[in-house]
Amino acid sequence: MIEEKVSSWLSIDEVAQMLEISPGKVRRLIDEKYLFSHRVNKQPMIPADIIVDGEPLSSIHGTLVLLADLGMGDEEAIAWLYEVNPELGTEPMTSLLAGHKAPVRRAAQGLG
């Protein structure tokens, strides 16, 4: 489960404070796939590691859009990001955090 793979979660309000924007803008960033959230104890939570240097991880947006274009729903796409991918040899999220977005996108394209 994703809850076990994410070491630290942030609430929408906490992310709003970190990014110095309103909670409504954070929700809009989630809707527009610049961020994503997952329900933890019935509350939408955002993995802390996708906020890098006070900004959303830049490679998340294009990756989530690609997965949506391939027909994945939000929860399915989030699950894919945290499952070990044989082509990558690690979880796609780990590769994105390491700055390796091209291999992640190639692995995603292989799904379609």
PDB file of N, CA and C in Angstrom:
ATOM      1  N   MET A   1       0.829  -1.193   0.000  1.00  0.00           N
ATOM      2  CA  MET A   1       0.000   0.000   0.000  1.00  0.00           C
ATOM      3  C   MET A   1       0.871   1.253   0.000  1.00  0.00           C
ATOM      4  N   ILE A   2       0.357   2.276  -0.633  1.00  0.00           N
ATOM      5  CA  ILE A   2       1.115   3.519  -0.760  1.00  0.00           C
ATOM      6  C   ILE A   2       1.435   4.130   0.603  1.00  0.00           C
ATOM      7  N   GLU A   3       0.528   3.973   1.575  1.00  0.00           N
ATOM      8  CA  GLU A   3       0.763   4.561   2.895  1.00  0.00           C
ATOM      9  C   GLU A   3       2.074   4.062   3.503  1.00  0.00           C
ATOM     10  N   GLU A   4       2.432   2.813   3.204  1.00  0.00           N
ATOM     11  CA  GLU A   4       3.653   2.230   3.756  1.00  0.00           C
ATOM     12  C   GLU A   4       4.899   2.675   3.002  1.00  0.00           C
ATOM     13  N   LYS A   5       4.733   3.127   1.766  1.00  0.00           N
ATOM     14  CA  LYS A   5       5.888   3.477   0.937  1.00  0.00           C
ATOM     15  C   LYS A   5       6.267   4.954   1.042  1.00  0.00           C
ATOM     16  N   VAL A   6       5.356   5.764   1.561  1.00  0.00           N
ATOM     17  CA  VAL A   6       5.629   7.197   1.711  1.00  0.00           C
ATOM     18  C   VAL A   6       6.029   7.438   3.158  1.00  0.00           C
ATOM     19  N   SER A   7       7.205   8.007   3.346  1.00  0.00           N
ATOM     20  CA  SER A   7       7.720   8.168   4.711  1.00  0.00           C
ATOM     21  C   SER A   7       7.077   9.332   5.461  1.00  0.00           C
ATOM     22  N   SER A   8       6.632  10.347   4.725  1.00  0.00           N
ATOM     23  CA  SER A   8       6.079  11.521   5.391  1.00  0.00           C
ATOM     24  C   SER A   8       4.984  12.139   4.525  1.00  0.00           C
ATOM     25  N   TRP A   9       3.867  12.441   5.168  1.00  0.00           N
ATOM     26  CA  TRP A   9       2.706  13.019   4.490  1.00  0.00           C
ATOM     27  C   TRP A   9       2.472  14.440   4.963  1.00  0.00           C
ATOM     28  N   LEU A  10       1.929  15.268   4.075  1.00  0.00           N
ATOM     29  CA  LEU A  10       1.576  16.639   4.414  1.00  0.00           C
ATOM     30  C   LEU A  10       0.098  16.868   4.095  1.00  0.00           C
ATOM     31  N   SER A  11      -0.556  17.639   4.933  1.00  0.00           N
ATOM     32  CA  SER A  11      -1.943  18.003   4.654  1.00  0.00           C
ATOM     33  C   SER A  11      -1.961  19.091   3.587  1.00  0.00           C
ATOM     34  N   ILE A  12      -3.130  19.333   3.039  1.00  0.00           N
ATOM     35  CA  ILE A  12      -3.274  20.408   2.052  1.00  0.00           C
ATOM     36  C   ILE A  12      -2.892  21.739   2.679  1.00  0.00           C
ATOM     37  N   ASP A  13      -3.282  21.970   3.928  1.00  0.00           N
ATOM     38  CA  ASP A  13      -2.927  23.224   4.604  1.00  0.00           C
ATOM     39  C   ASP A  13      -1.411  23.353   4.783  1.00  0.00           C
ATOM     40  N   GLU A  14      -0.736  22.253   5.138  1.00  0.00           N
ATOM     41  CA  GLU A  14       0.721  22.298   5.301  1.00  0.00           C
ATOM     42  C   GLU A  14       1.412  22.606   3.979  1.00  0.00           C
ATOM     43  N   VAL A  15       0.942  21.998   2.898  1.00  0.00           N
ATOM     44  CA  VAL A  15       1.523  22.270   1.580  1.00  0.00           C
ATOM     45  C   VAL A  15       1.271  23.723   1.196  1.00  0.00           C
ATOM     46  N   ALA A  16       0.084  24.219   1.490  1.00  0.00           N
ATOM     47  CA  ALA A  16      -0.230  25.619   1.199  1.00  0.00           C
ATOM     48  C   ALA A  16       0.759  26.552   1.900  1.00  0.00           C
ATOM     49  N   GLN A  17       1.055  26.259   3.159  1.00  0.00           N
ATOM     50  CA  GLN A  17       2.021  27.074   3.900  1.00  0.00           C
ATOM     51  C   GLN A  17       3.416  26.974   3.278  1.00  0.00           C
ATOM     52  N   MET A  18       3.828  25.759   2.919  1.00  0.00           N
ATOM     53  CA  MET A  18       5.160  25.564   2.331  1.00  0.00           C
ATOM     54  C   MET A  18       5.303  26.309   1.003  1.00  0.00           C
ATOM     55  N   LEU A  19       4.250  26.262   0.190  1.00  0.00           N
ATOM     56  CA  LEU A  19       4.303  26.886  -1.131  1.00  0.00           C
ATOM     57  C   LEU A  19       3.868  28.345  -1.110  1.00  0.00           C
ATOM     58  N   GLU A  20       3.418  28.799   0.076  1.00  0.00           N
ATOM     59  CA  GLU A  20       2.955  30.169   0.258  1.00  0.00           C
ATOM     60  C   GLU A  20       1.813  30.509  -0.699  1.00  0.00           C
ATOM     61  N   ILE A  21       0.846  29.586  -0.753  1.00  0.00           N
ATOM     62  CA  ILE A  21      -0.362  29.764  -1.561  1.00  0.00           C
ATOM     63  C   ILE A  21      -1.561  29.333  -0.716  1.00  0.00           C
ATOM     64  N   SER A  22      -2.745  29.543  -1.230  1.00  0.00           N
ATOM     65  CA  SER A  22      -3.946  29.171  -0.485  1.00  0.00           C
ATOM     66  C   SER A  22      -4.222  27.667  -0.613  1.00  0.00           C
ATOM     67  N   PRO A  23      -4.951  27.104   0.361  1.00  0.00           N
ATOM     68  CA  PRO A  23      -5.356  25.693   0.232  1.00  0.00           C
ATOM     69  C   PRO A  23      -6.161  25.441  -1.046  1.00  0.00           C
ATOM     70  N   GLY A  24      -6.942  26.420  -1.480  1.00  0.00           N
ATOM     71  CA  GLY A  24      -7.694  26.287  -2.726  1.00  0.00           C
ATOM     72  C   GLY A  24      -6.773  26.131  -3.931  1.00  0.00           C
ATOM     73  N   LYS A  25      -5.665  26.875  -3.930  1.00  0.00           N
ATOM     74  CA  LYS A  25      -4.686  26.771  -5.018  1.00  0.00           C
ATOM     75  C   LYS A  25      -4.006  25.399  -4.980  1.00  0.00           C
ATOM     76  N   VAL A  26      -3.754  24.865  -3.793  1.00  0.00           N
ATOM     77  CA  VAL A  26      -3.174  23.518  -3.685  1.00  0.00           C
ATOM     78  C   VAL A  26      -4.141  22.505  -4.303  1.00  0.00           C
ATOM     79  N   ARG A  27      -5.421  22.636  -3.994  1.00  0.00           N
ATOM     80  CA  ARG A  27      -6.421  21.727  -4.582  1.00  0.00           C
ATOM     81  C   ARG A  27      -6.449  21.846  -6.100  1.00  0.00           C
ATOM     82  N   ARG A  28      -6.292  23.072  -6.594  1.00  0.00           N
ATOM     83  CA  ARG A  28      -6.257  23.290  -8.040  1.00  0.00           C
ATOM     84  C   ARG A  28      -5.017  22.623  -8.644  1.00  0.00           C
ATOM     85  N   LEU A  29      -3.876  22.712  -7.963  1.00  0.00           N
ATOM     86  CA  LEU A  29      -2.658  22.052  -8.446  1.00  0.00           C
ATOM     87  C   LEU A  29      -2.849  20.534  -8.497  1.00  0.00           C
ATOM     88  N   ILE A  30      -3.615  20.005  -7.546  1.00  0.00           N
ATOM     89  CA  ILE A  30      -3.923  18.570  -7.559  1.00  0.00           C
ATOM     90  C   ILE A  30      -4.830  18.264  -8.751  1.00  0.00           C
ATOM     91  N   ASP A  31      -5.868  19.059  -8.945  1.00  0.00           N
ATOM     92  CA  ASP A  31      -6.787  18.854 -10.070  1.00  0.00           C
ATOM     93  C   ASP A  31      -6.063  18.938 -11.412  1.00  0.00           C
ATOM     94  N   GLU A  32      -5.074  19.831 -11.496  1.00  0.00           N
ATOM     95  CA  GLU A  32      -4.338  20.041 -12.748  1.00  0.00           C
ATOM     96  C   GLU A  32      -3.127  19.125 -12.881  1.00  0.00           C
ATOM     97  N   LYS A  33      -2.945  18.217 -11.920  1.00  0.00           N
ATOM     98  CA  LYS A  33      -1.901  17.194 -11.930  1.00  0.00           C
ATOM     99  C   LYS A  33      -0.477  17.742 -11.758  1.00  0.00           C
ATOM    100  N   TYR A  34      -0.359  18.871 -11.057  1.00  0.00           N
ATOM    101  CA  TYR A  34       0.966  19.362 -10.680  1.00  0.00           C
ATOM    102  C   TYR A  34       1.376  18.773  -9.336  1.00  0.00           C
ATOM    103  N   LEU A  35       0.390  18.299  -8.593  1.00  0.00           N
ATOM    104  CA  LEU A  35       0.573  17.586  -7.329  1.00  0.00           C
ATOM    105  C   LEU A  35      -0.422  16.435  -7.341  1.00  0.00           C
ATOM    106  N   PHE A  36      -0.289  15.528  -6.400  1.00  0.00           N
ATOM    107  CA  PHE A  36      -1.325  14.516  -6.224  1.00  0.00           C
ATOM    108  C   PHE A  36      -1.523  14.281  -4.746  1.00  0.00           C
ATOM    109  N   SER A  37      -2.699  13.793  -4.424  1.00  0.00           N
ATOM    110  CA  SER A  37      -2.991  13.469  -3.030  1.00  0.00           C
ATOM    111  C   SER A  37      -3.549  12.062  -2.957  1.00  0.00           C
ATOM    112  N   HIS A  38      -3.452  11.516  -1.773  1.00  0.00           N
ATOM    113  CA  HIS A  38      -3.961  10.169  -1.488  1.00  0.00           C
ATOM    114  C   HIS A  38      -4.636  10.243  -0.120  1.00  0.00           C
ATOM    115  N   ARG A  39      -5.757   9.598   0.010  1.00  0.00           N
ATOM    116  CA  ARG A  39      -6.470   9.638   1.293  1.00  0.00           C
ATOM    117  C   ARG A  39      -5.763   8.753   2.318  1.00  0.00           C
ATOM    118  N   VAL A  40      -5.395   9.373   3.415  1.00  0.00           N
ATOM    119  CA  VAL A  40      -4.799   8.683   4.555  1.00  0.00           C
ATOM    120  C   VAL A  40      -5.690   9.015   5.742  1.00  0.00           C
ATOM    121  N   ASN A  41      -6.266   7.998   6.353  1.00  0.00           N
ATOM    122  CA  ASN A  41      -7.235   8.211   7.435  1.00  0.00           C
ATOM    123  C   ASN A  41      -8.341   9.174   7.003  1.00  0.00           C
ATOM    124  N   LYS A  42      -8.813   8.988   5.791  1.00  0.00           N
ATOM    125  CA  LYS A  42      -9.926   9.747   5.208  1.00  0.00           C
ATOM    126  C   LYS A  42      -9.587  11.196   4.871  1.00  0.00           C
ATOM    127  N   GLN A  43      -8.328  11.591   5.039  1.00  0.00           N
ATOM    128  CA  GLN A  43      -7.913  12.961   4.738  1.00  0.00           C
ATOM    129  C   GLN A  43      -7.017  12.967   3.505  1.00  0.00           C
ATOM    130  N   PRO A  44      -7.227  13.901   2.567  1.00  0.00           N
ATOM    131  CA  PRO A  44      -6.313  13.979   1.426  1.00  0.00           C
ATOM    132  C   PRO A  44      -4.940  14.446   1.905  1.00  0.00           C
ATOM    133  N   MET A  45      -3.938  13.640   1.606  1.00  0.00           N
ATOM    134  CA  MET A  45      -2.571  13.951   2.034  1.00  0.00           C
ATOM    135  C   MET A  45      -1.647  13.901   0.818  1.00  0.00           C
ATOM    136  N   ILE A  46      -0.588  14.682   0.885  1.00  0.00           N
ATOM    137  CA  ILE A  46       0.378  14.800  -0.205  1.00  0.00           C
ATOM    138  C   ILE A  46       1.732  14.297   0.310  1.00  0.00           C
ATOM    139  N   PRO A  47       2.406  13.420  -0.472  1.00  0.00           N
ATOM    140  CA  PRO A  47       3.731  12.966  -0.040  1.00  0.00           C
ATOM    141  C   PRO A  47       4.687  14.154   0.098  1.00  0.00           C
ATOM    142  N   ALA A  48       5.355  14.245   1.222  1.00  0.00           N
ATOM    143  CA  ALA A  48       6.250  15.379   1.475  1.00  0.00           C
ATOM    144  C   ALA A  48       7.385  15.453   0.457  1.00  0.00           C
ATOM    145  N   ASP A  49       7.843  14.301  -0.037  1.00  0.00           N
ATOM    146  CA  ASP A  49       9.002  14.328  -0.924  1.00  0.00           C
ATOM    147  C   ASP A  49       8.705  14.876  -2.316  1.00  0.00           C
ATOM    148  N   ILE A  50       7.437  15.142  -2.657  1.00  0.00           N
ATOM    149  CA  ILE A  50       7.176  15.733  -3.973  1.00  0.00           C
ATOM    150  C   ILE A  50       7.176  17.266  -3.922  1.00  0.00           C
ATOM    151  N   ILE A  51       7.486  17.815  -2.745  1.00  0.00           N
ATOM    152  CA  ILE A  51       7.732  19.251  -2.621  1.00  0.00           C
ATOM    153  C   ILE A  51       9.244  19.404  -2.515  1.00  0.00           C
ATOM    154  N   VAL A  52       9.845  19.979  -3.541  1.00  0.00           N
ATOM    155  CA  VAL A  52      11.302  20.091  -3.618  1.00  0.00           C
ATOM    156  C   VAL A  52      11.677  21.565  -3.742  1.00  0.00           C
ATOM    157  N   ASP A  53      12.487  22.038  -2.814  1.00  0.00           N
ATOM    158  CA  ASP A  53      12.922  23.444  -2.814  1.00  0.00           C
ATOM    159  C   ASP A  53      11.742  24.410  -2.919  1.00  0.00           C
ATOM    160  N   GLY A  54      10.684  24.117  -2.168  1.00  0.00           N
ATOM    161  CA  GLY A  54       9.533  25.003  -2.121  1.00  0.00           C
ATOM    162  C   GLY A  54       8.646  24.983  -3.351  1.00  0.00           C
ATOM    163  N   GLU A  55       8.791  23.964  -4.186  1.00  0.00           N
ATOM    164  CA  GLU A  55       7.989  23.842  -5.405  1.00  0.00           C
ATOM    165  C   GLU A  55       7.573  22.385  -5.590  1.00  0.00           C
ATOM    166  N   PRO A  56       6.458  22.150  -6.313  1.00  0.00           N
ATOM    167  CA  PRO A  56       6.124  20.769  -6.652  1.00  0.00           C
ATOM    168  C   PRO A  56       7.221  20.168  -7.532  1.00  0.00           C
ATOM    169  N   LEU A  57       7.508  18.893  -7.342  1.00  0.00           N
ATOM    170  CA  LEU A  57       8.486  18.188  -8.167  1.00  0.00           C
ATOM    171  C   LEU A  57       8.097  18.373  -9.631  1.00  0.00           C
ATOM    172  N   SER A  58       8.979  18.951 -10.425  1.00  0.00           N
ATOM    173  CA  SER A  58       8.630  19.363 -11.785  1.00  0.00           C
ATOM    174  C   SER A  58       8.232  18.202 -12.691  1.00  0.00           C
ATOM    175  N   SER A  59       8.765  17.024 -12.465  1.00  0.00           N
ATOM    176  CA  SER A  59       8.486  15.902 -13.361  1.00  0.00           C
ATOM    177  C   SER A  59       7.156  15.212 -13.074  1.00  0.00           C
ATOM    178  N   ILE A  60       6.495  15.563 -11.987  1.00  0.00           N
ATOM    179  CA  ILE A  60       5.216  14.924 -11.637  1.00  0.00           C
ATOM    180  C   ILE A  60       4.140  15.256 -12.662  1.00  0.00           C
ATOM    181  N   HIS A  61       4.023  16.516 -13.033  1.00  0.00           N
ATOM    182  CA  HIS A  61       2.939  16.944 -13.913  1.00  0.00           C
ATOM    183  C   HIS A  61       2.901  16.149 -15.222  1.00  0.00           C
ATOM    184  N   GLY A  62       3.982  16.162 -15.970  1.00  0.00           N
ATOM    185  CA  GLY A  62       4.007  15.467 -17.257  1.00  0.00           C
ATOM    186  C   GLY A  62       3.783  13.978 -17.120  1.00  0.00           C
ATOM    187  N   THR A  63       4.312  13.404 -16.048  1.00  0.00           N
ATOM    188  CA  THR A  63       4.142  11.971 -15.818  1.00  0.00           C
ATOM    189  C   THR A  63       2.690  11.640 -15.526  1.00  0.00           C
ATOM    190  N   LEU A  64       2.037  12.424 -14.665  1.00  0.00           N
ATOM    191  CA  LEU A  64       0.631  12.178 -14.362  1.00  0.00           C
ATOM    192  C   LEU A  64      -0.259  12.406 -15.581  1.00  0.00           C
ATOM    193  N   VAL A  65       0.061  13.406 -16.390  1.00  0.00           N
ATOM    194  CA  VAL A  65      -0.709  13.658 -17.608  1.00  0.00           C
ATOM    195  C   VAL A  65      -0.547  12.477 -18.569  1.00  0.00           C
ATOM    196  N   LEU A  66       0.675  11.981 -18.733  1.00  0.00           N
ATOM    197  CA  LEU A  66       0.921  10.830 -19.600  1.00  0.00           C
ATOM    198  C   LEU A  66       0.133   9.611 -19.125  1.00  0.00           C
ATOM    199  N   LEU A  67       0.176   9.343 -17.830  1.00  0.00           N
ATOM    200  CA  LEU A  67      -0.563   8.193 -17.294  1.00  0.00           C
ATOM    201  C   LEU A  67      -2.070   8.359 -17.503  1.00  0.00           C
ATOM    202  N   ALA A  68      -2.569   9.574 -17.348  1.00  0.00           N
ATOM    203  CA  ALA A  68      -3.994   9.829 -17.603  1.00  0.00           C
ATOM    204  C   ALA A  68      -4.318   9.610 -19.080  1.00  0.00           C
ATOM    205  N   ASP A  69      -3.426  10.061 -19.949  1.00  0.00           N
ATOM    206  CA  ASP A  69      -3.632   9.873 -21.390  1.00  0.00           C
ATOM    207  C   ASP A  69      -3.650   8.384 -21.758  1.00  0.00           C
ATOM    208  N   LEU A  70      -2.967   7.576 -20.959  1.00  0.00           N
ATOM    209  CA  LEU A  70      -2.947   6.129 -21.188  1.00  0.00           C
ATOM    210  C   LEU A  70      -4.174   5.444 -20.590  1.00  0.00           C
ATOM    211  N   GLY A  71      -5.050   6.238 -19.972  1.00  0.00           N
ATOM    212  CA  GLY A  71      -6.295   5.704 -19.445  1.00  0.00           C
ATOM    213  C   GLY A  71      -6.290   5.370 -17.970  1.00  0.00           C
ATOM    214  N   MET A  72      -5.231   5.736 -17.267  1.00  0.00           N
ATOM    215  CA  MET A  72      -5.174   5.459 -15.831  1.00  0.00           C
ATOM    216  C   MET A  72      -5.946   6.511 -15.052  1.00  0.00           C
ATOM    217  N   GLY A  73      -6.707   6.049 -14.062  1.00  0.00           N
ATOM    218  CA  GLY A  73      -7.335   6.960 -13.119  1.00  0.00           C
ATOM    219  C   GLY A  73      -6.295   7.461 -12.132  1.00  0.00           C
ATOM    220  N   ASP A  74      -6.667   8.447 -11.337  1.00  0.00           N
ATOM    221  CA  ASP A  74      -5.721   9.045 -10.395  1.00  0.00           C
ATOM    222  C   ASP A  74      -5.127   8.019  -9.432  1.00  0.00           C
ATOM    223  N   GLU A  75      -5.966   7.218  -8.797  1.00  0.00           N
ATOM    224  CA  GLU A  75      -5.461   6.249  -7.817  1.00  0.00           C
ATOM    225  C   GLU A  75      -4.584   5.195  -8.481  1.00  0.00           C
ATOM    226  N   GLU A  76      -4.963   4.767  -9.673  1.00  0.00           N
ATOM    227  CA  GLU A  76      -4.171   3.776 -10.405  1.00  0.00           C
ATOM    228  C   GLU A  76      -2.796   4.350 -10.765  1.00  0.00           C
ATOM    229  N   ALA A  77      -2.774   5.611 -11.198  1.00  0.00           N
ATOM    230  CA  ALA A  77      -1.511   6.273 -11.547  1.00  0.00           C
ATOM    231  C   ALA A  77      -0.613   6.422 -10.327  1.00  0.00           C
ATOM    232  N   ILE A  78      -1.204   6.804  -9.207  1.00  0.00           N
ATOM    233  CA  ILE A  78      -0.420   6.956  -7.975  1.00  0.00           C
ATOM    234  C   ILE A  78       0.141   5.609  -7.550  1.00  0.00           C
ATOM    235  N   ALA A  79      -0.665   4.574  -7.632  1.00  0.00           N
ATOM    236  CA  ALA A  79      -0.181   3.231  -7.287  1.00  0.00           C
ATOM    237  C   ALA A  79       0.976   2.838  -8.201  1.00  0.00           C
ATOM    238  N   TRP A  80       0.868   3.127  -9.500  1.00  0.00           N
ATOM    239  CA  TRP A  80       1.934   2.787 -10.448  1.00  0.00           C
ATOM    240  C   TRP A  80       3.243   3.482 -10.066  1.00  0.00           C
ATOM    241  N   LEU A  81       3.146   4.728  -9.618  1.00  0.00           N
ATOM    242  CA  LEU A  81       4.352   5.470  -9.242  1.00  0.00           C
ATOM    243  C   LEU A  81       5.110   4.814  -8.088  1.00  0.00           C
ATOM    244  N   TYR A  82       4.399   4.064  -7.251  1.00  0.00           N
ATOM    245  CA  TYR A  82       5.017   3.487  -6.050  1.00  0.00           C
ATOM    246  C   TYR A  82       5.212   1.980  -6.129  1.00  0.00           C
ATOM    247  N   GLU A  83       4.984   1.385  -7.301  1.00  0.00           N
ATOM    248  CA  GLU A  83       5.244  -0.045  -7.480  1.00  0.00           C
ATOM    249  C   GLU A  83       6.576  -0.211  -8.201  1.00  0.00           C
ATOM    250  N   VAL A  84       7.363  -1.196  -7.803  1.00  0.00           N
ATOM    251  CA  VAL A  84       8.628  -1.447  -8.488  1.00  0.00           C
ATOM    252  C   VAL A  84       8.333  -1.775  -9.946  1.00  0.00           C
ATOM    253  N   ASN A  85       9.024  -1.087 -10.828  1.00  0.00           N
ATOM    254  CA  ASN A  85       8.858  -1.295 -12.258  1.00  0.00           C
ATOM    255  C   ASN A  85      10.055  -2.093 -12.764  1.00  0.00           C
ATOM    256  N   PRO A  86       9.835  -3.260 -13.395  1.00  0.00           N
ATOM    257  CA  PRO A  86      10.956  -4.095 -13.834  1.00  0.00           C
ATOM    258  C   PRO A  86      11.869  -3.386 -14.829  1.00  0.00           C
ATOM    259  N   GLU A  87      11.306  -2.533 -15.670  1.00  0.00           N
ATOM    260  CA  GLU A  87      12.119  -1.815 -16.648  1.00  0.00           C
ATOM    261  C   GLU A  87      13.075  -0.828 -15.967  1.00  0.00           C
ATOM    262  N   LEU A  88      12.623  -0.243 -14.871  1.00  0.00           N
ATOM    263  CA  LEU A  88      13.437   0.736 -14.142  1.00  0.00           C
ATOM    264  C   LEU A  88      14.302   0.080 -13.063  1.00  0.00           C
ATOM    265  N   GLY A  89      13.843  -1.059 -12.557  1.00  0.00           N
ATOM    266  CA  GLY A  89      14.542  -1.718 -11.460  1.00  0.00           C
ATOM    267  C   GLY A  89      14.271  -1.061 -10.116  1.00  0.00           C
ATOM    268  N   THR A  90      13.338  -0.137 -10.081  1.00  0.00           N
ATOM    269  CA  THR A  90      12.966   0.568  -8.861  1.00  0.00           C
ATOM    270  C   THR A  90      11.562   1.132  -9.055  1.00  0.00           C
ATOM    271  N   GLU A  91      11.089   1.853  -8.079  1.00  0.00           N
ATOM    272  CA  GLU A  91       9.790   2.507  -8.199  1.00  0.00           C
ATOM    273  C   GLU A  91       9.925   3.744  -9.082  1.00  0.00           C
ATOM    274  N   PRO A  92       8.954   4.001  -9.954  1.00  0.00           N
ATOM    275  CA  PRO A  92       9.018   5.219 -10.770  1.00  0.00           C
ATOM    276  C   PRO A  92       9.202   6.487  -9.934  1.00  0.00           C
ATOM    277  N   MET A  93       8.561   6.562  -8.772  1.00  0.00           N
ATOM    278  CA  MET A  93       8.709   7.760  -7.946  1.00  0.00           C
ATOM    279  C   MET A  93      10.162   7.944  -7.499  1.00  0.00           C
ATOM    280  N   THR A  94      10.823   6.863  -7.164  1.00  0.00           N
ATOM    281  CA  THR A  94      12.235   6.950  -6.771  1.00  0.00           C
ATOM    282  C   THR A  94      13.062   7.507  -7.919  1.00  0.00           C
ATOM    283  N   SER A  95      12.785   7.038  -9.130  1.00  0.00           N
ATOM    284  CA  SER A  95      13.510   7.545 -10.302  1.00  0.00           C
ATOM    285  C   SER A  95      13.217   9.020 -10.544  1.00  0.00           C
ATOM    286  N   LEU A  96      11.954   9.418 -10.403  1.00  0.00           N
ATOM    287  CA  LEU A  96      11.612  10.839 -10.589  1.00  0.00           C
ATOM    288  C   LEU A  96      12.326  11.713  -9.569  1.00  0.00           C
ATOM    289  N   LEU A  97      12.351  11.269  -8.332  1.00  0.00           N
ATOM    290  CA  LEU A  97      13.023  12.042  -7.279  1.00  0.00           C
ATOM    291  C   LEU A  97      14.528  12.143  -7.517  1.00  0.00           C
ATOM    292  N   ALA A  98      15.086  11.149  -8.224  1.00  0.00           N
ATOM    293  CA  ALA A  98      16.516  11.159  -8.549  1.00  0.00           C
ATOM    294  C   ALA A  98      16.794  11.950  -9.826  1.00  0.00           C
ATOM    295  N   GLY A  99      15.743  12.497 -10.444  1.00  0.00           N
ATOM    296  CA  GLY A  99      15.930  13.309 -11.641  1.00  0.00           C
ATOM    297  C   GLY A  99      15.906  12.538 -12.940  1.00  0.00           C
ATOM    298  N   HIS A 100      15.404  11.317 -12.920  1.00  0.00           N
ATOM    299  CA  HIS A 100      15.403  10.459 -14.112  1.00  0.00           C
ATOM    300  C   HIS A 100      13.998  10.351 -14.713  1.00  0.00           C
ATOM    301  N   LYS A 101      13.490  11.456 -15.232  1.00  0.00           N
ATOM    302  CA  LYS A 101      12.115  11.429 -15.731  1.00  0.00           C
ATOM    303  C   LYS A 101      11.985  10.717 -17.074  1.00  0.00           C
ATOM    304  N   ALA A 102      12.981  10.805 -17.950  1.00  0.00           N
ATOM    305  CA  ALA A 102      12.874  10.180 -19.275  1.00  0.00           C
ATOM    306  C   ALA A 102      12.674   8.668 -19.179  1.00  0.00           C
ATOM    307  N   PRO A 103      13.460   7.949 -18.371  1.00  0.00           N
ATOM    308  CA  PRO A 103      13.219   6.509 -18.261  1.00  0.00           C
ATOM    309  C   PRO A 103      11.838   6.182 -17.687  1.00  0.00           C
ATOM    310  N   VAL A 104      11.359   7.014 -16.772  1.00  0.00           N
ATOM    311  CA  VAL A 104      10.031   6.791 -16.187  1.00  0.00           C
ATOM    312  C   VAL A 104       8.969   6.965 -17.263  1.00  0.00           C
ATOM    313  N   ARG A 105       9.108   7.989 -18.058  1.00  0.00           N
ATOM    314  CA  ARG A 105       8.116   8.238 -19.110  1.00  0.00           C
ATOM    315  C   ARG A 105       8.156   7.128 -20.166  1.00  0.00           C
ATOM    316  N   ARG A 106       9.353   6.617 -20.475  1.00  0.00           N
ATOM    317  CA  ARG A 106       9.457   5.501 -21.424  1.00  0.00           C
ATOM    318  C   ARG A 106       8.757   4.263 -20.853  1.00  0.00           C
ATOM    319  N   ALA A 107       8.982   4.004 -19.565  1.00  0.00           N
ATOM    320  CA  ALA A 107       8.320   2.857 -18.928  1.00  0.00           C
ATOM    321  C   ALA A 107       6.807   3.038 -18.950  1.00  0.00           C
ATOM    322  N   ALA A 108       6.335   4.247 -18.728  1.00  0.00           N
ATOM    323  CA  ALA A 108       4.892   4.519 -18.764  1.00  0.00           C
ATOM    324  C   ALA A 108       4.344   4.324 -20.173  1.00  0.00           C
ATOM    325  N   GLN A 109       5.069   4.792 -21.163  1.00  0.00           N
ATOM    326  CA  GLN A 109       4.602   4.646 -22.544  1.00  0.00           C
ATOM    327  C   GLN A 109       4.485   3.177 -22.935  1.00  0.00           C
ATOM    328  N   GLY A 110       5.308   2.343 -22.329  1.00  0.00           N
ATOM    329  CA  GLY A 110       5.247   0.916 -22.600  1.00  0.00           C
ATOM    330  C   GLY A 110       3.960   0.270 -22.108  1.00  0.00           C
ATOM    331  N   LEU A 111       3.217   0.977 -21.270  1.00  0.00           N
ATOM    332  CA  LEU A 111       1.947   0.471 -20.758  1.00  0.00           C
ATOM    333  C   LEU A 111       0.834   0.584 -21.791  1.00  0.00           C
ATOM    334  N   GLY A 112       1.002   1.533 -22.722  1.00  0.00           N
ATOM    335  CA  GLY A 112      -0.082   1.836 -23.649  1.00  0.00           C
ATOM    336  C   GLY A 112      -0.130   1.028 -24.870  1.00  0.00           C
TER     337      GLY A 112
END
